[in-house]
């Protein structure tokens, strides 16, 4: 009863309120723009990246926050994970795409290790 019950509750919630995921794009020159069902991302590569949204998912971009929303929790979450996978947050400077509120552990670089060893 647990899985079926939860799937039915998610369907009802999706139709009434909907689900959303927020992604934060962090980095110098990293940009996001929404054009219809496509998301254009400048992520520091030599080329812009275009992501095609799945059917039923809408996107909104404000500054460096990308909000995905839709009635199906699984599809929204999968789309957010696929976008995050394009440029995961790196542990030294923290640049990349992360969920809003996600904590990324920062590592000390070579210079910080060398300064601490002296």
N, C-alpha and C. Protein backbone atom coordinates (compact mmCIF):
# COMPACT_ATOMS: atom_id res chain seq x y z
N UNK A 1 0.81 -1.20 0.00
CA UNK A 1 0.00 0.00 0.00
C UNK A 1 0.86 1.27 0.00
N UNK A 2 2.06 1.22 0.49
CA UNK A 2 2.87 2.42 0.65
C UNK A 2 3.23 3.10 -0.65
N UNK A 3 3.79 2.35 -1.62
CA UNK A 3 4.21 2.94 -2.88
C UNK A 3 3.03 3.44 -3.70
N UNK A 4 2.02 2.61 -3.83
CA UNK A 4 0.83 3.00 -4.61
C UNK A 4 0.16 4.22 -3.99
N UNK A 5 0.06 4.23 -2.68
CA UNK A 5 -0.55 5.36 -1.98
C UNK A 5 0.24 6.65 -2.25
N UNK A 6 1.56 6.57 -2.16
CA UNK A 6 2.40 7.75 -2.38
C UNK A 6 2.33 8.23 -3.83
N UNK A 7 2.27 7.29 -4.80
CA UNK A 7 2.16 7.68 -6.20
C UNK A 7 0.84 8.40 -6.47
N UNK A 8 -0.24 7.92 -5.88
CA UNK A 8 -1.55 8.57 -6.05
C UNK A 8 -1.53 9.96 -5.41
N UNK A 9 -0.96 10.07 -4.21
CA UNK A 9 -0.86 11.38 -3.53
C UNK A 9 -0.03 12.34 -4.39
N UNK A 10 1.08 11.87 -4.98
CA UNK A 10 1.91 12.73 -5.83
C UNK A 10 1.15 13.18 -7.08
N UNK A 11 0.33 12.30 -7.65
CA UNK A 11 -0.47 12.69 -8.82
C UNK A 11 -1.48 13.77 -8.46
N UNK A 12 -2.13 13.62 -7.32
CA UNK A 12 -3.11 14.61 -6.89
C UNK A 12 -2.43 15.94 -6.59
N UNK A 13 -1.30 15.89 -5.89
CA UNK A 13 -0.56 17.11 -5.59
C UNK A 13 -0.05 17.78 -6.87
N UNK A 14 0.39 16.99 -7.83
CA UNK A 14 0.90 17.53 -9.09
C UNK A 14 -0.16 18.28 -9.86
N UNK A 15 -1.38 17.76 -9.85
CA UNK A 15 -2.46 18.42 -10.59
C UNK A 15 -2.94 19.67 -9.86
N UNK A 16 -3.01 19.61 -8.53
CA UNK A 16 -3.53 20.75 -7.78
C UNK A 16 -2.49 21.85 -7.58
N UNK A 17 -1.30 21.49 -7.08
CA UNK A 17 -0.29 22.51 -6.77
C UNK A 17 0.90 22.48 -7.72
N UNK A 18 1.29 21.30 -8.18
CA UNK A 18 2.45 21.18 -9.04
C UNK A 18 3.73 21.02 -8.24
N UNK A 19 4.79 20.61 -8.90
CA UNK A 19 6.08 20.43 -8.27
C UNK A 19 7.08 21.37 -8.94
N UNK A 20 8.08 21.79 -8.18
CA UNK A 20 9.11 22.64 -8.77
C UNK A 20 10.47 22.34 -8.15
N UNK A 21 11.50 22.57 -8.92
CA UNK A 21 12.89 22.44 -8.47
C UNK A 21 13.61 23.71 -8.89
N UNK A 22 14.46 24.22 -8.02
CA UNK A 22 15.22 25.43 -8.33
C UNK A 22 16.70 25.07 -8.41
N UNK A 23 17.33 25.53 -9.47
CA UNK A 23 18.76 25.33 -9.68
C UNK A 23 19.46 26.67 -9.68
N UNK A 24 20.63 26.71 -9.08
CA UNK A 24 21.41 27.94 -8.98
C UNK A 24 22.65 27.78 -9.85
N UNK A 25 22.89 28.72 -10.74
CA UNK A 25 24.05 28.69 -11.62
C UNK A 25 25.08 29.66 -11.06
N UNK A 26 26.24 29.12 -10.65
CA UNK A 26 27.27 29.93 -10.01
C UNK A 26 28.55 29.87 -10.83
N UNK A 27 29.08 31.02 -11.20
CA UNK A 27 30.33 31.09 -11.93
C UNK A 27 30.41 32.37 -12.74
N UNK A 28 31.61 32.85 -12.94
CA UNK A 28 31.81 34.07 -13.72
C UNK A 28 31.49 33.77 -15.18
N UNK A 29 30.56 34.51 -15.75
CA UNK A 29 30.19 34.32 -17.15
C UNK A 29 29.18 33.21 -17.38
N UNK A 30 28.73 32.54 -16.34
CA UNK A 30 27.72 31.50 -16.49
C UNK A 30 26.37 32.17 -16.61
N UNK A 31 25.64 31.85 -17.68
CA UNK A 31 24.34 32.48 -17.93
C UNK A 31 23.31 31.44 -18.31
N UNK A 32 22.06 31.77 -18.08
CA UNK A 32 20.95 30.89 -18.46
C UNK A 32 19.86 31.74 -19.09
N UNK A 33 19.27 31.22 -20.17
CA UNK A 33 18.17 31.91 -20.84
C UNK A 33 17.17 30.85 -21.30
N UNK A 34 15.88 31.16 -21.12
CA UNK A 34 14.83 30.23 -21.52
C UNK A 34 14.19 30.76 -22.80
N UNK A 35 14.10 29.89 -23.81
CA UNK A 35 13.47 30.24 -25.08
C UNK A 35 12.47 29.14 -25.43
N UNK A 36 11.22 29.34 -25.04
CA UNK A 36 10.20 28.34 -25.30
C UNK A 36 10.45 27.07 -24.52
N UNK A 37 10.64 25.95 -25.22
CA UNK A 37 10.89 24.68 -24.55
C UNK A 37 12.38 24.33 -24.53
N UNK A 38 13.23 25.32 -24.77
CA UNK A 38 14.67 25.11 -24.75
C UNK A 38 15.31 26.03 -23.71
N UNK A 39 16.37 25.53 -23.12
CA UNK A 39 17.15 26.32 -22.17
C UNK A 39 18.54 26.47 -22.77
N UNK A 40 18.97 27.72 -22.92
CA UNK A 40 20.31 28.01 -23.44
C UNK A 40 21.22 28.35 -22.26
N UNK A 41 22.30 27.58 -22.14
CA UNK A 41 23.21 27.74 -21.01
C UNK A 41 24.61 28.07 -21.50
N UNK A 42 25.22 29.09 -20.91
CA UNK A 42 26.63 29.39 -21.12
C UNK A 42 27.34 28.96 -19.84
N UNK A 43 28.11 27.87 -19.93
CA UNK A 43 28.69 27.27 -18.73
C UNK A 43 30.21 27.25 -18.75
N UNK A 44 30.81 28.15 -19.50
CA UNK A 44 32.26 28.21 -19.53
C UNK A 44 32.89 27.27 -20.54
N UNK A 45 32.09 26.57 -21.31
CA UNK A 45 32.62 25.72 -22.37
C UNK A 45 32.90 26.59 -23.59
N UNK A 46 33.51 26.03 -24.61
CA UNK A 46 33.80 26.78 -25.83
C UNK A 46 32.54 26.97 -26.68
N UNK A 47 31.45 26.34 -26.29
CA UNK A 47 30.19 26.41 -27.04
C UNK A 47 29.03 26.55 -26.07
N UNK A 48 27.95 27.19 -26.49
CA UNK A 48 26.76 27.24 -25.63
C UNK A 48 26.08 25.87 -25.61
N UNK A 49 25.45 25.55 -24.50
CA UNK A 49 24.76 24.27 -24.34
C UNK A 49 23.26 24.53 -24.42
N UNK A 50 22.56 23.74 -25.24
CA UNK A 50 21.11 23.85 -25.36
C UNK A 50 20.48 22.60 -24.76
N UNK A 51 19.54 22.80 -23.84
CA UNK A 51 18.85 21.68 -23.21
C UNK A 51 17.38 21.73 -23.60
N UNK A 52 16.89 20.63 -24.16
CA UNK A 52 15.48 20.52 -24.57
C UNK A 52 14.68 20.03 -23.37
N UNK A 53 13.67 20.80 -22.97
CA UNK A 53 12.83 20.42 -21.83
C UNK A 53 11.90 19.28 -22.21
N UNK A 54 11.67 18.34 -21.29
CA UNK A 54 10.70 17.29 -21.56
C UNK A 54 9.28 17.86 -21.61
N UNK A 55 8.38 17.11 -22.21
CA UNK A 55 7.00 17.55 -22.33
C UNK A 55 6.36 17.69 -20.94
N UNK A 56 5.71 18.80 -20.70
CA UNK A 56 5.04 19.02 -19.42
C UNK A 56 5.86 19.79 -18.41
N UNK A 57 7.10 20.11 -18.73
CA UNK A 57 7.96 20.85 -17.80
C UNK A 57 8.15 22.26 -18.33
N UNK A 58 7.96 23.23 -17.45
CA UNK A 58 8.15 24.64 -17.80
C UNK A 58 9.36 25.17 -17.05
N UNK A 59 10.04 26.14 -17.63
CA UNK A 59 11.22 26.72 -17.00
C UNK A 59 11.09 28.23 -16.95
N UNK A 60 11.67 28.80 -15.89
CA UNK A 60 11.71 30.24 -15.71
C UNK A 60 13.10 30.60 -15.20
N UNK A 61 13.71 31.63 -15.77
CA UNK A 61 15.05 32.04 -15.35
C UNK A 61 15.02 33.47 -14.84
N UNK A 62 15.55 33.66 -13.65
CA UNK A 62 15.70 34.99 -13.06
C UNK A 62 17.12 35.09 -12.55
N UNK A 63 17.91 35.97 -13.15
CA UNK A 63 19.33 36.14 -12.83
C UNK A 63 20.03 34.79 -12.91
N UNK A 64 20.47 34.25 -11.78
CA UNK A 64 21.21 32.99 -11.82
C UNK A 64 20.39 31.83 -11.23
N UNK A 65 19.08 31.99 -11.12
CA UNK A 65 18.20 30.94 -10.59
C UNK A 65 17.31 30.42 -11.72
N UNK A 66 17.33 29.11 -11.92
CA UNK A 66 16.50 28.46 -12.92
C UNK A 66 15.46 27.64 -12.18
N UNK A 67 14.17 27.90 -12.45
CA UNK A 67 13.09 27.18 -11.79
C UNK A 67 12.38 26.30 -12.80
N UNK A 68 12.34 25.01 -12.52
CA UNK A 68 11.62 24.04 -13.34
C UNK A 68 10.35 23.66 -12.61
N UNK A 69 9.23 23.60 -13.32
CA UNK A 69 7.98 23.23 -12.68
C UNK A 69 7.13 22.40 -13.62
N UNK A 70 6.27 21.58 -13.01
CA UNK A 70 5.39 20.72 -13.79
C UNK A 70 4.56 19.84 -12.88
N UNK A 71 3.60 19.11 -13.45
CA UNK A 71 2.71 18.28 -12.63
C UNK A 71 3.30 16.93 -12.24
N UNK A 72 4.31 16.44 -12.95
CA UNK A 72 4.88 15.11 -12.68
C UNK A 72 6.19 15.26 -11.90
N UNK A 73 6.19 14.79 -10.66
CA UNK A 73 7.36 14.95 -9.78
C UNK A 73 8.60 14.27 -10.35
N UNK A 74 8.43 13.09 -10.93
CA UNK A 74 9.56 12.34 -11.45
C UNK A 74 10.19 13.04 -12.65
N UNK A 75 9.38 13.55 -13.56
CA UNK A 75 9.90 14.20 -14.77
C UNK A 75 10.61 15.51 -14.41
N UNK A 76 10.05 16.28 -13.48
CA UNK A 76 10.68 17.54 -13.05
C UNK A 76 12.02 17.25 -12.39
N UNK A 77 12.05 16.26 -11.51
CA UNK A 77 13.29 15.90 -10.83
C UNK A 77 14.35 15.38 -11.78
N UNK A 78 13.92 14.58 -12.76
CA UNK A 78 14.86 14.02 -13.74
C UNK A 78 15.44 15.12 -14.63
N UNK A 79 14.61 16.08 -15.03
CA UNK A 79 15.09 17.20 -15.85
C UNK A 79 16.09 18.05 -15.05
N UNK A 80 15.79 18.31 -13.77
CA UNK A 80 16.69 19.09 -12.93
C UNK A 80 18.02 18.36 -12.76
N UNK A 81 17.99 17.05 -12.58
CA UNK A 81 19.21 16.27 -12.42
C UNK A 81 20.04 16.27 -13.71
N UNK A 82 19.36 16.22 -14.86
CA UNK A 82 20.08 16.23 -16.14
C UNK A 82 20.76 17.58 -16.38
N UNK A 83 20.09 18.67 -16.00
CA UNK A 83 20.69 20.00 -16.15
C UNK A 83 21.87 20.15 -15.20
N UNK A 84 21.71 19.69 -13.96
CA UNK A 84 22.80 19.77 -12.98
C UNK A 84 24.01 18.97 -13.45
N UNK A 85 23.77 17.86 -14.12
CA UNK A 85 24.85 17.00 -14.59
C UNK A 85 25.71 17.67 -15.67
N UNK A 86 25.16 18.69 -16.35
CA UNK A 86 25.92 19.39 -17.39
C UNK A 86 27.17 20.06 -16.82
N UNK A 87 27.09 20.57 -15.60
CA UNK A 87 28.23 21.22 -14.95
C UNK A 87 28.05 21.11 -13.44
N UNK A 88 28.46 19.99 -12.87
CA UNK A 88 28.32 19.78 -11.43
C UNK A 88 29.17 20.79 -10.67
N UNK A 89 28.77 21.15 -9.45
CA UNK A 89 29.58 22.09 -8.67
C UNK A 89 30.93 21.48 -8.32
N UNK A 90 31.99 22.22 -8.61
CA UNK A 90 33.32 21.69 -8.34
C UNK A 90 33.75 22.09 -6.92
N UNK A 91 34.56 21.28 -6.26
CA UNK A 91 34.82 21.47 -4.84
C UNK A 91 35.84 22.54 -4.47
N UNK A 92 36.52 23.15 -5.45
CA UNK A 92 37.54 24.13 -5.10
C UNK A 92 37.01 25.56 -5.10
N UNK A 93 36.30 25.96 -6.14
CA UNK A 93 35.74 27.30 -6.18
C UNK A 93 34.22 27.30 -6.01
N UNK A 94 33.59 26.15 -6.20
CA UNK A 94 32.14 26.05 -6.06
C UNK A 94 31.38 26.41 -7.32
N UNK A 95 32.08 26.58 -8.45
CA UNK A 95 31.40 26.93 -9.69
C UNK A 95 30.60 25.74 -10.20
N UNK A 96 29.50 26.04 -10.89
CA UNK A 96 28.71 24.99 -11.49
C UNK A 96 27.23 25.19 -11.23
N UNK A 97 26.46 24.13 -11.45
CA UNK A 97 25.01 24.17 -11.25
C UNK A 97 24.69 23.31 -10.03
N UNK A 98 23.94 23.90 -9.09
CA UNK A 98 23.54 23.17 -7.89
C UNK A 98 22.09 23.49 -7.56
N UNK A 99 21.49 22.65 -6.76
CA UNK A 99 20.14 22.92 -6.28
C UNK A 99 20.21 24.07 -5.28
N UNK A 100 19.16 24.87 -5.20
CA UNK A 100 19.11 25.96 -4.22
C UNK A 100 19.08 25.32 -2.83
N UNK A 101 19.98 25.74 -1.99
CA UNK A 101 20.07 25.19 -0.64
C UNK A 101 21.03 24.02 -0.52
N UNK A 102 21.58 23.54 -1.61
CA UNK A 102 22.52 22.42 -1.57
C UNK A 102 23.87 22.92 -1.04
N UNK A 103 24.43 22.19 -0.11
CA UNK A 103 25.73 22.55 0.45
C UNK A 103 26.82 21.80 -0.30
N UNK A 104 27.80 22.52 -0.81
CA UNK A 104 28.93 21.91 -1.50
C UNK A 104 30.16 22.10 -0.62
N UNK A 105 30.78 21.00 -0.25
CA UNK A 105 31.97 21.07 0.59
C UNK A 105 33.13 21.64 -0.20
N UNK A 106 33.77 22.63 0.36
CA UNK A 106 34.91 23.27 -0.29
C UNK A 106 36.20 22.60 0.18
N UNK A 107 37.08 22.34 -0.76
CA UNK A 107 38.39 21.77 -0.43
C UNK A 107 39.43 22.88 -0.42
N UNK A 108 40.47 22.68 0.34
CA UNK A 108 41.60 23.62 0.33
C UNK A 108 42.45 23.30 -0.89
N UNK A 109 42.84 24.33 -1.62
CA UNK A 109 43.67 24.12 -2.81
C UNK A 109 45.13 23.94 -2.44
N UNK A 110 45.98 23.85 -3.45
CA UNK A 110 47.42 23.68 -3.24
C UNK A 110 48.01 24.84 -2.46
N UNK A 111 47.62 26.07 -2.82
CA UNK A 111 48.18 27.25 -2.14
C UNK A 111 47.81 27.26 -0.66
N UNK A 112 46.57 26.89 -0.35
CA UNK A 112 46.13 26.90 1.06
C UNK A 112 46.84 25.80 1.84
N UNK A 113 47.07 24.65 1.21
CA UNK A 113 47.78 23.57 1.89
C UNK A 113 49.24 23.96 2.14
N UNK A 114 49.85 24.60 1.15
CA UNK A 114 51.24 25.02 1.27
C UNK A 114 51.40 26.10 2.36
N UNK A 115 50.46 27.01 2.45
CA UNK A 115 50.53 28.07 3.44
C UNK A 115 50.32 27.52 4.85
N UNK A 116 49.47 26.51 4.96
CA UNK A 116 49.21 25.89 6.27
C UNK A 116 50.34 25.01 6.73
N UNK A 117 51.13 24.49 5.80
CA UNK A 117 52.23 23.56 6.15
C UNK A 117 53.44 24.30 6.66
N UNK A 118 53.59 25.59 6.33
CA UNK A 118 54.78 26.34 6.74
C UNK A 118 54.73 26.73 8.18
